[in-house]
Amino acid sequence: MAKAKMIIDKDFKIAEVDKRVYGSFIEHLGRAVYNGIYQPGHSTADEDGFRRDVLELVKELEVPIIRYPGGNFVSNFYWEDSVGSKAERKPRLDLAWRTLETNEFGLGEFAKWSEKAGSDIMMAVNLGTRGITDALNLLEYCNLDTNTYYSDLRKSHGVTKPYNIKTWCLGNEMDGPWQMGHKTAAEYGRLAAETAKAMKTMDDSIELVSCGSSNIEMPTFPEWEAATLEETYEYVDYISLHNYYGNAENDTEDFFAKTQDLERFIHTVTATCDYIKAKKRSKKTLNLSFDEWNVWFHSTESDSEEMKERPWQIAPHLLEDIYSFEDAILVGLILITFLQHADRLKMACLAQLVNVIAPIMTENDGGAWKQSIYYPFLHASKYGRGTALHSIVNSTKHDSKTHEDVTDVESIAVYNEEKGEVTIFAVNRSVKEDALFEADVKCFEGYRVLEYLALENDDMKVTNSITGEKVSPKNRTDYELKDGTFTATMKKCSWNVIRLGK
């Protein structure tokens, strides 16, 4: 049997968890917007055409911030076409995903939808085919009340109060050759720095995210970070990280070990930021925004064929990965890793939210349902707020095909002092053995187990569907809390949430 011992002390703090680490992402891609969050005529549509069934599932996740409108889409986005009278909006060819964008749903609609969802907006500006002027025009339209052209244009569209968007991305994946307006590090660094300076001159209350590498396998990583931060460091607040994970090799054990690669990614970007800080003799510490992450591999071949053979469709089925039980376990492992780095990783966006590599799926003329990955994200968002604790964890280990010394049990504790609760998130990622798990919680005298939730299944490939859930949490009662020690046997390949309080 695998074993893990955990010691938790409320005074051993990593950092306060920024709630924005539970952010998500809506891009004009596939059915994320059309037939996803927006579908006039649907049986659940409200007065604005927003699907109520989807809104309820989004609100349950308590997503604090949502990135918009892309993604690759943003690098050829003409925001002016997405505001004002719908009758006057111009349809455009979306070159990123080779679809037709009607602009029926745009910035104003998204702002209204995100308010109903209880989420703030992380807005991205087009630094691919456009630049500084357009970023400033968009910022004025969104945030200023100055009786000037773009501020007045917003008012003429019936929006008297500014949207007051506080978080802005300076482009998207500009290191990627697939990106419209792809740039070298030198080109992007200068453009991003000058855009940042101008935007903060217009509104110094905003926070800015500079583009980091599109993934850890990019040949320019981490030189891209170092070169671009030479220009942007003093003008931005975050640098972005993007990465997706897959199990195309059908090796569950190695799949679960991929958070070792995630660890290396976070450590390398953090070290690069600190190198530039030292080089510039700066007093400023730059934080991280992991604003694209998820499992993504199930649909890649069919997506390529769809975009190549049938271009310029409206809201085609693209990137509609159907997630398995093992995908949910990896999502849980990723969330634990994020919490372990709460001192520097302040924002993250699960990509995406509805239909497109998403925890929520819809039928065009039917209902909405929860994918397997919905649950670990839900649990972390609801119970992972407070202070991430630097817990001491000793676990047995194993090797996988491409990884060594992989811990059988990976875990983190979050202390919510306001609620008087501490939550342990733990994954037994051993594919062979159950794990005897012990947690020393003597520091939390008088606490009892409020709830023990677990995702468990013997079938790694089982999925949920509109007809029913085969992956959902269950309540466990077979544990012991005695003399300040919590003890339970965690099933192999399981996600575990242990909530303690008075």
Protein backbone atom coordinates (compact mmCIF):
# COMPACT_ATOMS: atom_id res chain seq x y z
CA MET A 1 0.00 0.00 0.00
CA ALA A 2 1.15 3.52 -0.78
CA LYS A 3 1.53 5.85 2.21
CA ALA A 4 1.54 9.57 2.88
CA LYS A 5 1.88 11.61 6.06
CA MET A 6 0.99 15.29 6.18
CA ILE A 7 1.68 17.84 8.92
CA ILE A 8 -0.39 21.01 8.84
CA ASP A 9 0.25 24.16 10.87
CA LYS A 10 -1.74 27.37 10.41
CA ASP A 11 1.38 29.46 11.00
CA PHE A 12 3.31 27.91 8.10
CA LYS A 13 1.93 30.03 5.31
CA ILE A 14 2.69 30.06 1.60
CA ALA A 15 0.44 33.03 0.82
CA GLU A 16 -3.14 34.16 0.60
CA VAL A 17 -4.84 32.48 -2.34
CA ASP A 18 -5.86 35.07 -4.92
CA LYS A 19 -9.41 34.06 -5.83
CA ARG A 20 -8.60 34.82 -9.48
CA VAL A 21 -6.64 31.55 -9.64
CA TYR A 22 -10.12 30.04 -10.20
CA GLY A 23 -10.71 32.09 -13.34
CA SER A 24 -11.84 30.78 -16.70
CA PHE A 25 -12.00 31.76 -20.34
CA ILE A 26 -14.56 32.46 -23.07
CA GLU A 27 -13.25 32.82 -26.62
CA HIS A 28 -15.14 33.34 -29.85
CA LEU A 29 -14.33 29.77 -30.85
CA GLY A 30 -16.65 26.94 -31.82
CA ARG A 31 -19.76 26.87 -29.66
CA ALA A 32 -18.35 28.66 -26.61
CA VAL A 33 -20.41 31.78 -27.28
CA TYR A 34 -23.06 30.86 -29.85
CA ASN A 35 -25.14 27.90 -28.63
CA GLY A 36 -23.01 27.97 -25.49
CA ILE A 37 -23.55 30.96 -23.23
CA TYR A 38 -25.73 32.77 -25.79
CA GLN A 39 -28.67 31.27 -27.66
CA PRO A 40 -31.76 33.42 -28.25
CA GLY A 41 -34.74 31.19 -28.83
CA HIS A 42 -33.52 28.43 -26.56
CA SER A 43 -36.11 27.25 -24.07
CA THR A 44 -34.01 28.58 -21.18
CA ALA A 45 -32.93 31.87 -22.81
CA ASP A 46 -33.49 35.03 -20.78
CA GLU A 47 -34.40 38.47 -22.08
CA ASP A 48 -30.81 38.96 -23.32
CA GLY A 49 -30.58 35.60 -25.09
CA PHE A 50 -28.35 34.08 -22.39
CA ARG A 51 -28.96 30.43 -21.58
CA ARG A 52 -30.14 30.25 -17.98
CA ASP A 53 -29.19 26.59 -17.65
CA VAL A 54 -25.57 27.44 -18.51
CA LEU A 55 -25.55 30.50 -16.27
CA GLU A 56 -26.63 28.42 -13.29
CA LEU A 57 -23.80 25.94 -13.83
CA VAL A 58 -21.29 28.79 -14.23
CA LYS A 59 -22.52 30.52 -11.07
CA GLU A 60 -22.18 27.29 -9.13
CA LEU A 61 -18.44 27.29 -10.00
CA GLU A 62 -18.06 30.80 -8.51
CA VAL A 63 -15.70 31.91 -11.27
CA PRO A 64 -14.23 35.28 -10.18
CA ILE A 65 -12.74 36.40 -13.52
CA ILE A 66 -13.15 35.37 -17.17
CA ARG A 67 -10.70 36.07 -19.97
CA TYR A 68 -12.23 37.46 -23.20
CA PRO A 69 -12.41 37.46 -26.27
CA GLY A 70 -9.38 35.24 -26.86
CA GLY A 71 -7.13 33.44 -27.30
CA ASN A 72 -6.01 33.25 -30.90
CA PHE A 73 -9.24 34.99 -31.91
CA VAL A 74 -8.11 38.30 -30.39
CA SER A 75 -5.19 38.75 -32.79
CA ASN A 76 -7.54 39.72 -35.63
CA PHE A 77 -10.37 41.13 -33.48
CA TYR A 78 -11.94 44.45 -34.46
CA TRP A 79 -13.70 45.36 -31.24
CA GLU A 80 -15.63 48.22 -32.84
CA ASP A 81 -17.59 45.68 -34.89
CA SER A 82 -18.87 44.04 -31.71
CA VAL A 83 -20.54 47.07 -30.09
CA GLY A 84 -23.54 49.26 -30.77
CA SER A 85 -26.57 48.41 -32.86
CA LYS A 86 -26.58 44.75 -33.88
CA ALA A 87 -28.11 45.73 -37.23
CA GLU A 88 -25.01 47.77 -38.07
CA ARG A 89 -22.37 45.29 -36.92
CA LYS A 90 -20.04 43.85 -39.54
CA PRO A 91 -19.49 40.11 -39.87
CA ARG A 92 -15.82 39.17 -40.11
CA LEU A 93 -13.73 36.19 -41.12
CA ASP A 94 -12.02 34.76 -38.05
CA LEU A 95 -8.61 33.74 -39.35
CA ALA A 96 -7.57 31.97 -36.14
CA TRP A 97 -10.21 29.24 -36.34
CA ARG A 98 -11.31 29.76 -39.98
CA THR A 99 -14.91 30.49 -39.03
CA LEU A 100 -17.37 33.32 -39.66
CA GLU A 101 -17.89 35.74 -36.77
CA THR A 102 -21.28 37.45 -36.99
CA ASN A 103 -20.56 39.86 -34.11
CA GLU A 104 -24.12 39.37 -32.91
CA PHE A 105 -22.55 38.81 -29.50
CA GLY A 106 -19.84 41.29 -28.56
CA LEU A 107 -18.23 43.29 -25.80
CA GLY A 108 -21.47 44.77 -24.47
CA GLU A 109 -23.21 41.42 -24.37
CA PHE A 110 -20.25 39.79 -22.67
CA ALA A 111 -20.08 42.53 -20.03
CA LYS A 112 -23.78 42.01 -19.29
CA TRP A 113 -23.40 38.22 -19.22
CA SER A 114 -20.34 38.28 -16.95
CA GLU A 115 -22.18 40.54 -14.51
CA LYS A 116 -25.02 38.00 -14.35
CA ALA A 117 -22.43 35.24 -13.87
CA GLY A 118 -20.82 37.16 -10.98
CA SER A 119 -17.47 37.40 -12.77
CA ASP A 120 -15.03 40.20 -13.55
CA ILE A 121 -13.52 40.53 -17.03
CA MET A 122 -9.92 39.91 -18.06
CA MET A 123 -9.83 41.75 -21.39
CA ALA A 124 -7.30 41.01 -24.12
CA VAL A 125 -6.18 43.61 -26.67
CA ASN A 126 -5.19 42.87 -30.25
CA LEU A 127 -1.43 43.29 -30.60
CA GLY A 128 -1.34 40.97 -33.61
CA THR A 129 -2.93 42.81 -36.54
CA ARG A 130 -3.48 46.04 -34.57
CA GLY A 131 -1.59 47.97 -31.90
CA ILE A 132 -1.29 50.84 -29.43
CA THR A 133 -3.97 53.12 -30.86
CA ASP A 134 -6.65 50.46 -30.90
CA ALA A 135 -5.75 49.32 -27.38
CA LEU A 136 -6.14 52.88 -26.14
CA ASN A 137 -9.43 53.34 -27.96
CA LEU A 138 -10.79 50.15 -26.42
CA LEU A 139 -9.58 51.16 -22.94
CA GLU A 140 -11.25 54.56 -23.27
CA TYR A 141 -14.48 52.92 -24.44
CA CYS A 142 -14.47 50.51 -21.49
CA ASN A 143 -13.11 52.51 -18.56
CA LEU A 144 -13.32 56.27 -19.00
CA ASP A 145 -16.05 58.83 -18.34
CA THR A 146 -14.41 61.81 -20.01
CA ASN A 147 -16.84 63.17 -22.63
CA THR A 148 -14.35 62.18 -25.32
CA TYR A 149 -14.99 60.26 -28.53
CA TYR A 150 -14.84 56.61 -27.40
CA SER A 151 -16.25 57.32 -23.95
CA ASP A 152 -19.16 59.09 -25.60
CA LEU A 153 -19.49 56.26 -28.14
CA ARG A 154 -20.11 53.83 -25.27
CA LYS A 155 -22.74 56.15 -23.84
CA SER A 156 -24.41 56.39 -27.24
CA HIS A 157 -24.71 52.61 -27.09
CA GLY A 158 -26.76 52.93 -23.91
CA VAL A 159 -23.97 52.20 -21.41
CA THR A 160 -23.67 55.32 -19.27
CA LYS A 161 -21.31 53.94 -16.64
CA PRO A 162 -17.85 52.64 -17.61
CA TYR A 163 -17.28 48.87 -17.50
CA ASN A 164 -14.23 49.56 -15.33
CA ILE A 165 -12.26 46.50 -16.45
CA LYS A 166 -9.16 46.20 -14.27
CA THR A 167 -7.19 43.32 -15.81
CA TRP A 168 -5.85 43.47 -19.39
CA CYS A 169 -3.78 41.05 -21.48
CA LEU A 170 -1.29 42.57 -23.91
CA GLY A 171 -2.06 40.25 -26.81
CA ASN A 172 -2.07 36.47 -26.88
CA GLU A 173 0.66 33.90 -27.58
CA MET A 174 2.65 36.32 -29.69
CA ASP A 175 5.58 33.89 -29.75
CA GLY A 176 3.51 31.37 -31.74
CA PRO A 177 3.96 31.13 -35.55
CA TRP A 178 0.24 30.24 -35.75
CA GLN A 179 -0.70 33.64 -34.35
CA MET A 180 -1.99 36.40 -36.63
CA GLY A 181 0.70 39.07 -36.39
CA HIS A 182 3.29 36.72 -34.84
CA LYS A 183 6.28 38.65 -33.53
CA THR A 184 9.83 38.06 -32.45
CA ALA A 185 10.65 38.63 -28.80
CA ALA A 186 12.27 41.96 -29.63
CA GLU A 187 9.26 43.10 -31.66
CA TYR A 188 6.73 42.07 -29.05
CA GLY A 189 8.74 43.41 -26.11
CA ARG A 190 8.91 46.92 -27.57
CA LEU A 191 5.25 46.96 -28.66
CA ALA A 192 3.98 45.57 -25.35
CA ALA A 193 6.07 48.00 -23.32
CA GLU A 194 4.88 51.04 -25.26
CA THR A 195 1.28 49.82 -25.17
CA ALA A 196 1.53 49.26 -21.42
CA LYS A 197 2.98 52.72 -20.82
CA ALA A 198 0.24 54.37 -22.86
CA MET A 199 -2.59 52.34 -21.29
CA LYS A 200 -1.40 53.09 -17.75
CA THR A 201 -1.09 56.77 -18.63
CA MET A 202 -4.76 56.68 -19.60
CA ASP A 203 -5.86 54.58 -16.58
CA ASP A 204 -3.29 53.89 -13.88
CA SER A 205 -5.69 51.67 -11.93
CA ILE A 206 -5.42 48.76 -14.37
CA GLU A 207 -3.21 45.67 -14.16
CA LEU A 208 -1.45 44.33 -17.24
CA VAL A 209 -0.37 40.85 -18.30
CA SER A 210 2.58 40.46 -20.67
CA CYS A 211 2.66 37.44 -23.00
CA GLY A 212 4.93 34.65 -21.91
CA SER A 213 5.67 31.52 -23.89
CA SER A 214 2.73 29.65 -25.42
CA ASN A 215 3.89 26.43 -23.80
CA ILE A 216 6.91 24.87 -22.16
CA GLU A 217 7.93 23.09 -25.40
CA MET A 218 8.39 26.30 -27.41
CA PRO A 219 11.94 26.43 -28.81
CA THR A 220 12.29 30.02 -27.60
CA PHE A 221 11.36 29.19 -23.98
CA PRO A 222 12.57 30.74 -21.65
CA GLU A 223 14.58 33.18 -23.77
CA TRP A 224 11.28 34.74 -24.83
CA GLU A 225 10.44 35.59 -21.20
CA ALA A 226 13.87 37.08 -20.56
CA ALA A 227 13.95 39.13 -23.76
CA THR A 228 10.42 40.51 -23.53
CA LEU A 229 10.68 41.30 -19.82
CA GLU A 230 13.79 43.35 -20.52
CA GLU A 231 11.33 45.78 -22.13
CA THR A 232 8.10 45.27 -20.19
CA TYR A 233 9.20 44.49 -16.62
CA GLU A 234 8.56 47.89 -15.05
CA TYR A 235 5.26 48.46 -16.87
CA VAL A 236 3.38 45.17 -16.38
CA ASP A 237 2.14 43.28 -13.34
CA TYR A 238 2.08 39.66 -14.55
CA ILE A 239 3.54 37.43 -17.19
CA SER A 240 1.35 34.74 -18.72
CA LEU A 241 1.88 30.98 -18.87
CA HIS A 242 -0.08 28.64 -21.17
CA ASN A 243 0.03 24.86 -21.30
CA TYR A 244 -2.26 21.95 -22.10
CA TYR A 245 -1.84 18.31 -21.18
CA GLY A 246 -2.86 15.13 -22.94
CA ASN A 247 -2.69 11.36 -22.78
CA ALA A 248 -2.40 10.48 -26.46
CA GLU A 249 -0.05 7.62 -25.49
CA ASN A 250 -2.77 6.12 -23.25
CA ASP A 251 -0.36 5.86 -20.32
CA THR A 252 -2.35 6.88 -17.26
CA GLU A 253 0.59 6.61 -14.88
CA ASP A 254 2.76 8.94 -16.97
CA PHE A 255 -0.21 11.25 -17.59
CA PHE A 256 -0.66 11.78 -13.85
CA ALA A 257 3.05 12.60 -13.53
CA LYS A 258 2.85 15.54 -15.91
CA THR A 259 2.44 18.00 -13.07
CA GLN A 260 6.19 17.53 -12.62
CA ASP A 261 6.51 19.30 -15.98
CA LEU A 262 4.11 21.97 -14.71
CA GLU A 263 6.31 22.45 -11.64
CA ARG A 264 9.35 22.92 -13.85
CA PHE A 265 7.46 25.43 -16.00
CA ILE A 266 6.39 27.54 -13.01
CA HIS A 267 9.85 27.42 -11.40
CA THR A 268 11.60 28.41 -14.64
CA VAL A 269 9.31 31.37 -15.34
CA THR A 270 9.57 32.53 -11.72
CA ALA A 271 13.36 32.31 -11.86
CA THR A 272 13.46 34.23 -15.14
CA CYS A 273 11.31 37.00 -13.66
CA ASP A 274 13.59 37.21 -10.65
CA TYR A 275 16.67 37.26 -12.87
CA ILE A 276 15.32 40.30 -14.73
CA LYS A 277 14.37 41.88 -11.41
CA ALA A 278 17.97 41.45 -10.18
CA LYS A 279 19.43 42.61 -13.47
CA LYS A 280 17.36 45.80 -13.36
CA ARG A 281 17.96 46.31 -9.62
CA SER A 282 14.20 46.56 -9.35
CA LYS A 283 12.20 46.51 -6.14
CA LYS A 284 9.18 45.15 -7.97
CA THR A 285 8.27 41.45 -7.91
CA LEU A 286 6.46 40.18 -10.98
CA ASN A 287 3.73 37.60 -10.50
CA LEU A 288 2.36 34.89 -12.78
CA SER A 289 -0.94 34.50 -14.65
CA PHE A 290 -1.53 30.96 -15.90
CA ASP A 291 -4.33 32.20 -18.10
CA GLU A 292 -4.70 29.12 -20.32
CA TRP A 293 -4.59 25.59 -18.93
CA ASN A 294 -6.49 22.34 -19.23
CA VAL A 295 -6.43 18.83 -20.63
CA TRP A 296 -6.67 19.04 -24.43
CA PHE A 297 -5.98 16.22 -26.87
CA HIS A 298 -9.17 14.28 -27.54
CA SER A 299 -10.43 16.40 -30.45
CA THR A 300 -7.29 17.70 -32.18
CA GLU A 301 -7.41 15.51 -35.30
CA SER A 302 -11.11 16.12 -36.04
CA ASP A 303 -10.66 19.86 -35.42
CA SER A 304 -7.89 20.15 -38.00
CA GLU A 305 -10.04 18.41 -40.62
CA GLU A 306 -13.09 20.55 -39.83
CA MET A 307 -11.22 23.85 -40.19
CA LYS A 308 -9.44 22.74 -43.36
CA GLU A 309 -12.28 21.06 -45.23
CA ARG A 310 -15.26 23.16 -44.08
CA PRO A 311 -14.08 26.71 -43.37
CA TRP A 312 -16.17 29.83 -42.63
CA GLN A 313 -18.95 28.13 -40.70
CA ILE A 314 -20.81 29.89 -37.89
CA ALA A 315 -20.19 28.26 -34.49
CA PRO A 316 -19.08 24.80 -35.68
CA HIS A 317 -18.29 22.00 -33.25
CA LEU A 318 -14.60 22.62 -32.48
CA LEU A 319 -12.39 21.54 -29.55
CA GLU A 320 -15.25 19.65 -27.93
CA ASP A 321 -13.19 17.26 -25.84
CA ILE A 322 -15.29 14.81 -23.85
CA TYR A 323 -13.44 14.38 -20.57
CA SER A 324 -12.83 11.12 -18.78
CA PHE A 325 -12.36 10.25 -15.14
CA GLU A 326 -8.56 10.32 -15.51
CA ASP A 327 -8.77 13.83 -16.99
CA ALA A 328 -10.55 14.97 -13.83
CA ILE A 329 -7.73 13.55 -11.71
CA LEU A 330 -5.13 15.49 -13.67
CA VAL A 331 -7.17 18.69 -13.35
CA GLY A 332 -7.17 18.12 -9.59
CA LEU A 333 -3.40 17.66 -9.60
CA ILE A 334 -2.96 20.89 -11.56
CA LEU A 335 -5.10 22.83 -9.09
CA ILE A 336 -3.05 21.47 -6.17
CA THR A 337 0.13 22.59 -7.95
CA PHE A 338 -1.29 26.07 -8.45
CA LEU A 339 -2.11 26.35 -4.74
CA GLN A 340 1.38 25.20 -3.84
CA HIS A 341 2.63 28.28 -5.71
CA ALA A 342 0.13 30.78 -4.31
CA ASP A 343 2.95 33.16 -3.42
CA ARG A 344 3.61 33.96 -7.10
CA LEU A 345 0.79 32.45 -9.15
CA LYS A 346 -2.05 34.90 -8.68
CA MET A 347 -4.33 34.29 -11.65
CA ALA A 348 -5.25 31.28 -13.76
CA CYS A 349 -7.91 30.61 -16.39
CA LEU A 350 -9.30 27.16 -17.05
CA ALA A 351 -9.59 27.12 -20.84
CA GLN A 352 -12.37 27.18 -21.57
CA LEU A 353 -15.72 27.41 -19.79
CA VAL A 354 -18.47 26.13 -22.10
CA ASN A 355 -18.36 23.55 -24.94
CA VAL A 356 -14.78 24.30 -26.01
CA ILE A 357 -12.40 22.09 -23.92
CA ALA A 358 -14.79 22.90 -21.12
CA PRO A 359 -16.29 21.66 -17.85
CA ILE A 360 -19.77 22.55 -19.13
CA MET A 361 -21.33 21.14 -22.31
CA THR A 362 -24.58 21.97 -24.07
CA GLU A 363 -26.88 20.57 -26.71
CA ASN A 364 -28.00 23.18 -29.22
CA ASP A 365 -31.65 22.32 -28.76
CA GLY A 366 -31.40 20.56 -25.44
CA GLY A 367 -29.85 20.76 -22.01
CA ALA A 368 -26.52 21.45 -20.38
CA TRP A 369 -24.40 19.05 -18.37
CA LYS A 370 -21.28 18.76 -16.23
CA GLN A 371 -18.16 17.08 -17.51
CA SER A 372 -15.91 15.10 -15.18
CA ILE A 373 -13.47 18.00 -14.80
CA TYR A 374 -16.27 20.21 -13.45
CA TYR A 375 -15.97 18.67 -10.00
CA PRO A 376 -12.34 19.22 -8.95
CA PHE A 377 -12.59 22.78 -10.26
CA LEU A 378 -15.83 23.30 -8.31
CA HIS A 379 -14.34 21.95 -5.10
CA ALA A 380 -11.17 24.03 -5.35
CA SER A 381 -13.08 27.20 -6.19
CA LYS A 382 -15.55 26.75 -3.30
CA TYR A 383 -13.19 25.48 -0.61
CA GLY A 384 -9.74 26.59 -1.75
CA ARG A 385 -10.03 30.21 -0.64
CA GLY A 386 -8.00 31.52 2.25
CA THR A 387 -4.33 30.90 3.04
CA ALA A 388 -2.38 28.15 1.32
CA LEU A 389 -0.35 26.37 3.98
CA HIS A 390 3.18 25.10 3.59
CA SER A 391 2.43 21.55 4.68
CA ILE A 392 5.07 18.92 5.24
CA VAL A 393 4.15 15.84 3.21
CA ASN A 394 6.09 12.58 3.12
CA SER A 395 4.79 10.21 0.46
CA THR A 396 5.95 6.99 -1.07
CA LYS A 397 7.07 7.44 -4.67
CA HIS A 398 7.19 5.65 -8.00
CA ASP A 399 8.67 6.11 -11.48
CA SER A 400 6.64 6.38 -14.68
CA LYS A 401 7.72 6.06 -18.30
CA THR A 402 9.20 9.56 -18.57
CA HIS A 403 9.18 10.80 -14.96
CA GLU A 404 11.10 9.80 -11.85
CA ASP A 405 10.36 10.02 -8.11
CA VAL A 406 6.69 10.76 -8.61
CA THR A 407 4.88 11.14 -5.28
CA ASP A 408 2.03 8.68 -4.85
CA VAL A 409 0.02 11.30 -2.98
CA GLU A 410 0.08 15.00 -3.82
CA SER A 411 -1.69 17.35 -1.41
CA ILE A 412 -2.16 20.90 -0.12
CA ALA A 413 -4.13 22.49 2.72
CA VAL A 414 -5.96 25.83 2.60
CA TYR A 415 -6.97 27.60 5.81
CA ASN A 416 -9.97 29.90 5.71
CA GLU A 417 -9.63 31.79 8.98
CA GLU A 418 -12.80 33.82 8.42
CA LYS A 419 -14.93 30.67 8.18
CA GLY A 420 -12.88 28.73 10.70
CA GLU A 421 -12.26 25.91 8.23
CA VAL A 422 -9.28 24.09 6.79
CA THR A 423 -9.55 22.03 3.62
CA ILE A 424 -7.14 19.33 2.50
CA PHE A 425 -7.00 18.60 -1.23
CA ALA A 426 -5.26 15.33 -2.04
CA VAL A 427 -4.81 13.06 -5.05
CA ASN A 428 -3.65 9.48 -4.84
CA ARG A 429 -2.16 9.19 -8.31
CA SER A 430 -0.88 5.67 -7.90
CA VAL A 431 -2.53 3.51 -10.55
CA LYS A 432 -1.66 0.36 -8.61
CA GLU A 433 -2.27 0.90 -4.91
CA ASP A 434 -4.62 2.49 -2.45
CA ALA A 435 -2.87 4.90 -0.10
CA LEU A 436 -2.94 5.12 3.68
CA PHE A 437 -3.19 8.87 4.32
CA GLU A 438 -2.48 10.50 7.68
CA ALA A 439 -2.76 14.21 8.42
CA ASP A 440 -1.53 15.78 11.64
CA VAL A 441 -4.08 18.53 12.37
CA LYS A 442 -3.29 19.07 16.06
CA CYS A 443 -2.89 22.78 15.34
CA PHE A 444 -6.64 22.91 14.70
CA GLU A 445 -7.77 21.85 18.15
CA GLY A 446 -11.44 21.09 18.47
CA TYR A 447 -11.98 20.73 14.73
CA ARG A 448 -14.11 17.92 13.32
CA VAL A 449 -14.60 16.57 9.83
CA LEU A 450 -17.34 18.59 8.15
CA GLU A 451 -17.25 16.64 4.92
CA TYR A 452 -15.09 14.19 3.00
CA LEU A 453 -15.75 14.25 -0.75
CA ALA A 454 -14.06 11.91 -3.21
CA LEU A 455 -13.99 11.21 -6.92
CA GLU A 456 -13.33 7.49 -7.36
CA ASN A 457 -13.72 5.13 -10.28
CA ASP A 458 -12.11 1.92 -11.49
CA ASP A 459 -12.64 2.92 -15.13
CA MET A 460 -10.17 5.62 -16.17
CA LYS A 461 -12.01 6.29 -19.44
CA VAL A 462 -15.56 6.65 -18.11
CA THR A 463 -17.26 9.97 -19.00
CA ASN A 464 -20.38 11.98 -18.22
CA SER A 465 -23.07 12.83 -20.75
CA ILE A 466 -26.41 14.56 -21.10
CA THR A 467 -28.08 11.28 -20.13
CA GLY A 468 -26.30 10.87 -16.81
CA GLU A 469 -23.21 11.27 -14.64
CA LYS A 470 -20.83 8.38 -14.19
CA VAL A 471 -18.19 10.66 -12.65
CA SER A 472 -19.44 12.60 -9.63
CA PRO A 473 -18.29 13.06 -6.03
CA LYS A 474 -19.46 10.86 -3.23
CA ASN A 475 -19.48 11.44 0.51
CA ARG A 476 -17.14 9.20 2.46
CA THR A 477 -17.57 8.35 6.12
CA ASP A 478 -14.89 5.66 6.49
CA TYR A 479 -12.22 7.82 8.12
CA GLU A 480 -10.95 8.46 11.64
CA LEU A 481 -10.07 11.69 13.42
CA LYS A 482 -8.47 10.86 16.75
CA ASP A 483 -5.99 12.74 18.95
CA GLY A 484 -5.45 15.36 16.25
CA THR A 485 -4.68 12.87 13.47
CA PHE A 486 -6.92 12.29 10.49
CA THR A 487 -6.60 8.85 8.90
CA ALA A 488 -8.22 7.42 5.78
CA THR A 489 -7.45 5.03 2.96
CA MET A 490 -7.54 6.86 -0.36
CA LYS A 491 -8.42 4.73 -3.33
CA LYS A 492 -5.94 4.51 -6.16
CA CYS A 493 -6.48 7.22 -8.77
CA SER A 494 -8.71 9.40 -6.61
CA TRP A 495 -9.43 13.07 -5.90
CA ASN A 496 -10.09 13.77 -2.20
CA VAL A 497 -11.45 16.85 -0.44
CA ILE A 498 -11.39 16.80 3.38
CA ARG A 499 -13.05 19.75 5.09
CA LEU A 500 -12.49 20.35 8.79
CA GLY A 501 -14.05 22.95 11.08
CA LYS A 502 -15.75 23.47 14.41
